[in-house]
Amino acid sequence: MTGCELVSSCPYFLGTAEMPESYREEYCGSEYQRCGRYMVWIALERERNSRFNLEISEGEAVQGELGNVP
């Protein structure tokens, strides 16, 4: 199966959460962009990246949160 980058930690793909095999083939493989878990992950990543870029562009001290990281 190719596709979703979340399969290594996905309870549906790993079988720890119940899901029919036909859905697993569809949502973990070719149509992974339609998977709810994947869509939420993408939205959270987009939000995190936009917040980080906003902090940088506004000149806020990111070091205050991270400490003195080079």
PDB file of N, CA and C in Angstrom:
ATOM      1  N   MET A   1       0.838  -1.179   0.000  1.00  0.00           N
ATOM      2  CA  MET A   1       0.000   0.000   0.000  1.00  0.00           C
ATOM      3  C   MET A   1       0.885   1.246   0.000  1.00  0.00           C
ATOM      4  N   THR A   2       0.555   2.183  -0.817  1.00  0.00           N
ATOM      5  CA  THR A   2       1.268   3.455  -0.811  1.00  0.00           C
ATOM      6  C   THR A   2       0.286   4.549  -0.458  1.00  0.00           C
ATOM      7  N   GLY A   3       0.801   5.649  -0.046  1.00  0.00           N
ATOM      8  CA  GLY A   3      -0.094   6.754   0.217  1.00  0.00           C
ATOM      9  C   GLY A   3       0.156   7.430   1.536  1.00  0.00           C
ATOM     10  N   CYS A   4      -0.713   7.225   2.473  1.00  0.00           N
ATOM     11  CA  CYS A   4      -0.737   7.984   3.716  1.00  0.00           C
ATOM     12  C   CYS A   4       0.560   7.833   4.511  1.00  0.00           C
ATOM     13  N   GLU A   5       1.081   8.976   4.935  1.00  0.00           N
ATOM     14  CA  GLU A   5       2.310   8.965   5.724  1.00  0.00           C
ATOM     15  C   GLU A   5       2.056   8.692   7.211  1.00  0.00           C
ATOM     16  N   LEU A   6       0.798   8.556   7.605  1.00  0.00           N
ATOM     17  CA  LEU A   6       0.457   8.320   9.009  1.00  0.00           C
ATOM     18  C   LEU A   6       0.267   6.843   9.340  1.00  0.00           C
ATOM     19  N   VAL A   7       0.424   5.948   8.365  1.00  0.00           N
ATOM     20  CA  VAL A   7       0.107   4.538   8.599  1.00  0.00           C
ATOM     21  C   VAL A   7       0.937   3.903   9.716  1.00  0.00           C
ATOM     22  N   SER A   8       2.143   4.375   9.946  1.00  0.00           N
ATOM     23  CA  SER A   8       2.984   3.752  10.966  1.00  0.00           C
ATOM     24  C   SER A   8       2.435   3.944  12.380  1.00  0.00           C
ATOM     25  N   SER A   9       1.589   4.967  12.570  1.00  0.00           N
ATOM     26  CA  SER A   9       1.017   5.209  13.897  1.00  0.00           C
ATOM     27  C   SER A   9      -0.511   5.194  13.905  1.00  0.00           C
ATOM     28  N   CYS A  10      -1.111   4.797  12.801  1.00  0.00           N
ATOM     29  CA  CYS A  10      -2.562   4.863  12.689  1.00  0.00           C
ATOM     30  C   CYS A  10      -3.235   3.634  13.302  1.00  0.00           C
ATOM     31  N   PRO A  11      -4.120   3.828  14.277  1.00  0.00           N
ATOM     32  CA  PRO A  11      -4.798   2.685  14.900  1.00  0.00           C
ATOM     33  C   PRO A  11      -5.713   1.950  13.927  1.00  0.00           C
ATOM     34  N   TYR A  12      -6.220   2.636  12.929  1.00  0.00           N
ATOM     35  CA  TYR A  12      -7.088   1.987  11.944  1.00  0.00           C
ATOM     36  C   TYR A  12      -6.273   1.097  11.012  1.00  0.00           C
ATOM     37  N   PHE A  13      -5.142   1.581  10.569  1.00  0.00           N
ATOM     38  CA  PHE A  13      -4.290   0.792   9.684  1.00  0.00           C
ATOM     39  C   PHE A  13      -3.675  -0.384  10.435  1.00  0.00           C
ATOM     40  N   LEU A  14      -3.250  -0.150  11.666  1.00  0.00           N
ATOM     41  CA  LEU A  14      -2.594  -1.199  12.458  1.00  0.00           C
ATOM     42  C   LEU A  14      -3.576  -2.220  13.010  1.00  0.00           C
ATOM     43  N   GLY A  15      -4.868  -1.910  12.958  1.00  0.00           N
ATOM     44  CA  GLY A  15      -5.876  -2.848  13.410  1.00  0.00           C
ATOM     45  C   GLY A  15      -6.222  -2.742  14.878  1.00  0.00           C
ATOM     46  N   THR A  16      -5.708  -1.744  15.586  1.00  0.00           N
ATOM     47  CA  THR A  16      -6.059  -1.591  16.994  1.00  0.00           C
ATOM     48  C   THR A  16      -7.408  -0.909  17.166  1.00  0.00           C
ATOM     49  N   ALA A  17      -7.884  -0.249  16.109  1.00  0.00           N
ATOM     50  CA  ALA A  17      -9.233   0.308  16.067  1.00  0.00           C
ATOM     51  C   ALA A  17      -9.975  -0.417  14.948  1.00  0.00           C
ATOM     52  N   GLU A  18     -11.225  -0.699  15.180  1.00  0.00           N
ATOM     53  CA  GLU A  18     -11.984  -1.498  14.229  1.00  0.00           C
ATOM     54  C   GLU A  18     -12.352  -0.696  12.979  1.00  0.00           C
ATOM     55  N   MET A  19     -12.046  -1.287  11.824  1.00  0.00           N
ATOM     56  CA  MET A  19     -12.406  -0.691  10.546  1.00  0.00           C
ATOM     57  C   MET A  19     -12.427  -1.801   9.507  1.00  0.00           C
ATOM     58  N   PRO A  20     -13.439  -1.851   8.667  1.00  0.00           N
ATOM     59  CA  PRO A  20     -13.498  -2.883   7.632  1.00  0.00           C
ATOM     60  C   PRO A  20     -12.305  -2.802   6.679  1.00  0.00           C
ATOM     61  N   GLU A  21     -11.860  -3.948   6.220  1.00  0.00           N
ATOM     62  CA  GLU A  21     -10.695  -4.027   5.335  1.00  0.00           C
ATOM     63  C   GLU A  21     -10.886  -3.198   4.062  1.00  0.00           C
ATOM     64  N   SER A  22     -12.087  -3.160   3.537  1.00  0.00           N
ATOM     65  CA  SER A  22     -12.331  -2.379   2.321  1.00  0.00           C
ATOM     66  C   SER A  22     -12.072  -0.886   2.553  1.00  0.00           C
ATOM     67  N   TYR A  23     -12.438  -0.386   3.724  1.00  0.00           N
ATOM     68  CA  TYR A  23     -12.165   1.014   4.054  1.00  0.00           C
ATOM     69  C   TYR A  23     -10.671   1.233   4.226  1.00  0.00           C
ATOM     70  N   ARG A  24     -10.019   0.279   4.856  1.00  0.00           N
ATOM     71  CA  ARG A  24      -8.579   0.379   5.078  1.00  0.00           C
ATOM     72  C   ARG A  24      -7.849   0.494   3.743  1.00  0.00           C
ATOM     73  N   GLU A  25      -8.236  -0.325   2.785  1.00  0.00           N
ATOM     74  CA  GLU A  25      -7.605  -0.275   1.466  1.00  0.00           C
ATOM     75  C   GLU A  25      -7.844   1.081   0.806  1.00  0.00           C
ATOM     76  N   GLU A  26      -9.051   1.596   0.945  1.00  0.00           N
ATOM     77  CA  GLU A  26      -9.398   2.863   0.311  1.00  0.00           C
ATOM     78  C   GLU A  26      -8.758   4.048   1.021  1.00  0.00           C
ATOM     79  N   TYR A  27      -8.987   4.179   2.329  1.00  0.00           N
ATOM     80  CA  TYR A  27      -8.558   5.362   3.062  1.00  0.00           C
ATOM     81  C   TYR A  27      -7.091   5.359   3.471  1.00  0.00           C
ATOM     82  N   CYS A  28      -6.460   4.217   3.547  1.00  0.00           N
ATOM     83  CA  CYS A  28      -5.043   4.165   3.902  1.00  0.00           C
ATOM     84  C   CYS A  28      -4.170   4.095   2.654  1.00  0.00           C
ATOM     85  N   GLY A  29      -4.780   3.763   1.532  1.00  0.00           N
ATOM     86  CA  GLY A  29      -4.035   3.622   0.295  1.00  0.00           C
ATOM     87  C   GLY A  29      -4.275   4.745  -0.671  1.00  0.00           C
ATOM     88  N   SER A  30      -5.078   4.474  -1.658  1.00  0.00           N
ATOM     89  CA  SER A  30      -5.225   5.403  -2.777  1.00  0.00           C
ATOM     90  C   SER A  30      -5.988   6.685  -2.447  1.00  0.00           C
ATOM     91  N   GLU A  31      -6.926   6.637  -1.536  1.00  0.00           N
ATOM     92  CA  GLU A  31      -7.771   7.807  -1.227  1.00  0.00           C
ATOM     93  C   GLU A  31      -7.492   8.358   0.169  1.00  0.00           C
ATOM     94  N   TYR A  32      -6.240   8.330   0.593  1.00  0.00           N
ATOM     95  CA  TYR A  32      -5.925   8.742   1.963  1.00  0.00           C
ATOM     96  C   TYR A  32      -6.247  10.211   2.238  1.00  0.00           C
ATOM     97  N   GLN A  33      -6.305  11.052   1.201  1.00  0.00           N
ATOM     98  CA  GLN A  33      -6.632  12.458   1.409  1.00  0.00           C
ATOM     99  C   GLN A  33      -8.066  12.640   1.905  1.00  0.00           C
ATOM    100  N   ARG A  34      -8.915  11.643   1.737  1.00  0.00           N
ATOM    101  CA  ARG A  34     -10.311  11.720   2.190  1.00  0.00           C
ATOM    102  C   ARG A  34     -10.487  11.219   3.621  1.00  0.00           C
ATOM    103  N   CYS A  35      -9.458  10.681   4.214  1.00  0.00           N
ATOM    104  CA  CYS A  35      -9.514  10.143   5.582  1.00  0.00           C
ATOM    105  C   CYS A  35      -9.623  11.295   6.582  1.00  0.00           C
ATOM    106  N   GLY A  36     -10.559  11.187   7.519  1.00  0.00           N
ATOM    107  CA  GLY A  36     -10.764  12.230   8.515  1.00  0.00           C
ATOM    108  C   GLY A  36      -9.543  12.465   9.383  1.00  0.00           C
ATOM    109  N   ARG A  37      -8.881  11.405   9.795  1.00  0.00           N
ATOM    110  CA  ARG A  37      -7.688  11.530  10.624  1.00  0.00           C
ATOM    111  C   ARG A  37      -6.597  12.284   9.875  1.00  0.00           C
ATOM    112  N   TYR A  38      -6.419  11.978   8.604  1.00  0.00           N
ATOM    113  CA  TYR A  38      -5.418  12.646   7.777  1.00  0.00           C
ATOM    114  C   TYR A  38      -5.769  14.124   7.597  1.00  0.00           C
ATOM    115  N   MET A  39      -7.050  14.428   7.346  1.00  0.00           N
ATOM    116  CA  MET A  39      -7.468  15.814   7.149  1.00  0.00           C
ATOM    117  C   MET A  39      -7.230  16.660   8.399  1.00  0.00           C
ATOM    118  N   VAL A  40      -7.492  16.088   9.573  1.00  0.00           N
ATOM    119  CA  VAL A  40      -7.257  16.811  10.823  1.00  0.00           C
ATOM    120  C   VAL A  40      -5.763  17.052  11.005  1.00  0.00           C
ATOM    121  N   TRP A  41      -4.947  16.044  10.729  1.00  0.00           N
ATOM    122  CA  TRP A  41      -3.495  16.174  10.857  1.00  0.00           C
ATOM    123  C   TRP A  41      -2.971  17.280   9.950  1.00  0.00           C
ATOM    124  N   ILE A  42      -3.431  17.303   8.700  1.00  0.00           N
ATOM    125  CA  ILE A  42      -3.007  18.331   7.746  1.00  0.00           C
ATOM    126  C   ILE A  42      -3.416  19.717   8.234  1.00  0.00           C
ATOM    127  N   ALA A  43      -4.639  19.845   8.733  1.00  0.00           N
ATOM    128  CA  ALA A  43      -5.117  21.143   9.232  1.00  0.00           C
ATOM    129  C   ALA A  43      -4.284  21.614  10.422  1.00  0.00           C
ATOM    130  N   LEU A  44      -3.951  20.709  11.334  1.00  0.00           N
ATOM    131  CA  LEU A  44      -3.137  21.078  12.491  1.00  0.00           C
ATOM    132  C   LEU A  44      -1.728  21.470  12.068  1.00  0.00           C
ATOM    133  N   GLU A  45      -1.155  20.757  11.116  1.00  0.00           N
ATOM    134  CA  GLU A  45       0.173  21.104  10.603  1.00  0.00           C
ATOM    135  C   GLU A  45       0.151  22.470   9.937  1.00  0.00           C
ATOM    136  N   ARG A  46      -0.870  22.740   9.151  1.00  0.00           N
ATOM    137  CA  ARG A  46      -0.997  24.031   8.473  1.00  0.00           C
ATOM    138  C   ARG A  46      -1.111  25.147   9.502  1.00  0.00           C
ATOM    139  N   GLU A  47      -1.905  24.941  10.550  1.00  0.00           N
ATOM    140  CA  GLU A  47      -2.066  25.955  11.592  1.00  0.00           C
ATOM    141  C   GLU A  47      -0.753  26.190  12.338  1.00  0.00           C
ATOM    142  N   ARG A  48      -0.069  25.108  12.670  1.00  0.00           N
ATOM    143  CA  ARG A  48       1.198  25.228  13.386  1.00  0.00           C
ATOM    144  C   ARG A  48       2.224  25.993  12.539  1.00  0.00           C
ATOM    145  N   ASN A  49       2.290  25.675  11.253  1.00  0.00           N
ATOM    146  CA  ASN A  49       3.243  26.352  10.376  1.00  0.00           C
ATOM    147  C   ASN A  49       2.888  27.824  10.187  1.00  0.00           C
ATOM    148  N   SER A  50       1.604  28.133  10.073  1.00  0.00           N
ATOM    149  CA  SER A  50       1.218  29.534   9.891  1.00  0.00           C
ATOM    150  C   SER A  50       1.480  30.333  11.161  1.00  0.00           C
ATOM    151  N   ARG A  51       1.281  29.746  12.319  1.00  0.00           N
ATOM    152  CA  ARG A  51       1.581  30.450  13.573  1.00  0.00           C
ATOM    153  C   ARG A  51       3.068  30.732  13.684  1.00  0.00           C
ATOM    154  N   PHE A  52       3.883  29.748  13.344  1.00  0.00           N
ATOM    155  CA  PHE A  52       5.329  29.907  13.418  1.00  0.00           C
ATOM    156  C   PHE A  52       5.781  31.008  12.455  1.00  0.00           C
ATOM    157  N   ASN A  53       5.265  30.988  11.219  1.00  0.00           N
ATOM    158  CA  ASN A  53       5.631  32.003  10.237  1.00  0.00           C
ATOM    159  C   ASN A  53       5.159  33.386  10.668  1.00  0.00           C
ATOM    160  N   LEU A  54       4.000  33.477  11.290  1.00  0.00           N
ATOM    161  CA  LEU A  54       3.483  34.748  11.777  1.00  0.00           C
ATOM    162  C   LEU A  54       4.379  35.302  12.882  1.00  0.00           C
ATOM    163  N   GLU A  55       4.814  34.444  13.799  1.00  0.00           N
ATOM    164  CA  GLU A  55       5.700  34.879  14.876  1.00  0.00           C
ATOM    165  C   GLU A  55       7.013  35.404  14.313  1.00  0.00           C
ATOM    166  N   ILE A  56       7.543  34.729  13.324  1.00  0.00           N
ATOM    167  CA  ILE A  56       8.801  35.148  12.719  1.00  0.00           C
ATOM    168  C   ILE A  56       8.609  36.482  11.994  1.00  0.00           C
ATOM    169  N   SER A  57       7.540  36.607  11.232  1.00  0.00           N
ATOM    170  CA  SER A  57       7.327  37.823  10.447  1.00  0.00           C
ATOM    171  C   SER A  57       7.015  39.035  11.325  1.00  0.00           C
ATOM    172  N   GLU A  58       6.418  38.818  12.465  1.00  0.00           N
ATOM    173  CA  GLU A  58       6.115  39.929  13.374  1.00  0.00           C
ATOM    174  C   GLU A  58       7.293  40.259  14.272  1.00  0.00           C
ATOM    175  N   GLY A  59       8.343  39.456  14.215  1.00  0.00           N
ATOM    176  CA  GLY A  59       9.535  39.726  14.995  1.00  0.00           C
ATOM    177  C   GLY A  59       9.428  39.327  16.450  1.00  0.00           C
ATOM    178  N   GLU A  60       8.474  38.475  16.788  1.00  0.00           N
ATOM    179  CA  GLU A  60       8.348  38.022  18.167  1.00  0.00           C
ATOM    180  C   GLU A  60       9.507  37.104  18.503  1.00  0.00           C
ATOM    181  N   ALA A  61       9.894  37.108  19.713  1.00  0.00           N
ATOM    182  CA  ALA A  61      11.038  36.300  20.153  1.00  0.00           C
ATOM    183  C   ALA A  61      10.607  34.852  20.312  1.00  0.00           C
ATOM    184  N   VAL A  62      10.989  34.050  19.351  1.00  0.00           N
ATOM    185  CA  VAL A  62      10.707  32.626  19.435  1.00  0.00           C
ATOM    186  C   VAL A  62      11.618  31.997  20.464  1.00  0.00           C
ATOM    187  N   GLN A  63      12.776  32.586  20.673  1.00  0.00           N
ATOM    188  CA  GLN A  63      13.715  32.050  21.652  1.00  0.00           C
ATOM    189  C   GLN A  63      13.135  32.037  23.049  1.00  0.00           C
ATOM    190  N   GLY A  64      12.212  32.925  23.343  1.00  0.00           N
ATOM    191  CA  GLY A  64      11.589  32.938  24.655  1.00  0.00           C
ATOM    192  C   GLY A  64      10.873  31.642  24.956  1.00  0.00           C
ATOM    193  N   GLU A  65      10.278  31.032  23.930  1.00  0.00           N
ATOM    194  CA  GLU A  65       9.576  29.759  24.109  1.00  0.00           C
ATOM    195  C   GLU A  65      10.546  28.588  24.068  1.00  0.00           C
ATOM    196  N   LEU A  66      11.565  28.702  23.224  1.00  0.00           N
ATOM    197  CA  LEU A  66      12.458  27.576  23.006  1.00  0.00           C
ATOM    198  C   LEU A  66      13.718  27.639  23.868  1.00  0.00           C
ATOM    199  N   GLY A  67      13.955  28.746  24.524  1.00  0.00           N
ATOM    200  CA  GLY A  67      15.191  28.911  25.252  1.00  0.00           C
ATOM    201  C   GLY A  67      16.256  29.438  24.302  1.00  0.00           C
ATOM    202  N   ASN A  68      17.482  29.271  24.648  1.00  0.00           N
ATOM    203  CA  ASN A  68      18.574  29.761  23.814  1.00  0.00           C
ATOM    204  C   ASN A  68      19.038  28.671  22.870  1.00  0.00           C
ATOM    205  N   VAL A  69      18.214  28.363  21.916  1.00  0.00           N
ATOM    206  CA  VAL A  69      18.549  27.353  20.916  1.00  0.00           C
ATOM    207  C   VAL A  69      19.254  28.038  19.769  1.00  0.00           C
ATOM    208  N   PRO A  70      20.447  27.583  19.386  1.00  0.00           N
ATOM    209  CA  PRO A  70      21.173  28.220  18.276  1.00  0.00           C
ATOM    210  C   PRO A  70      20.452  28.057  16.967  1.00  0.00           C
TER     211      PRO A  70
END
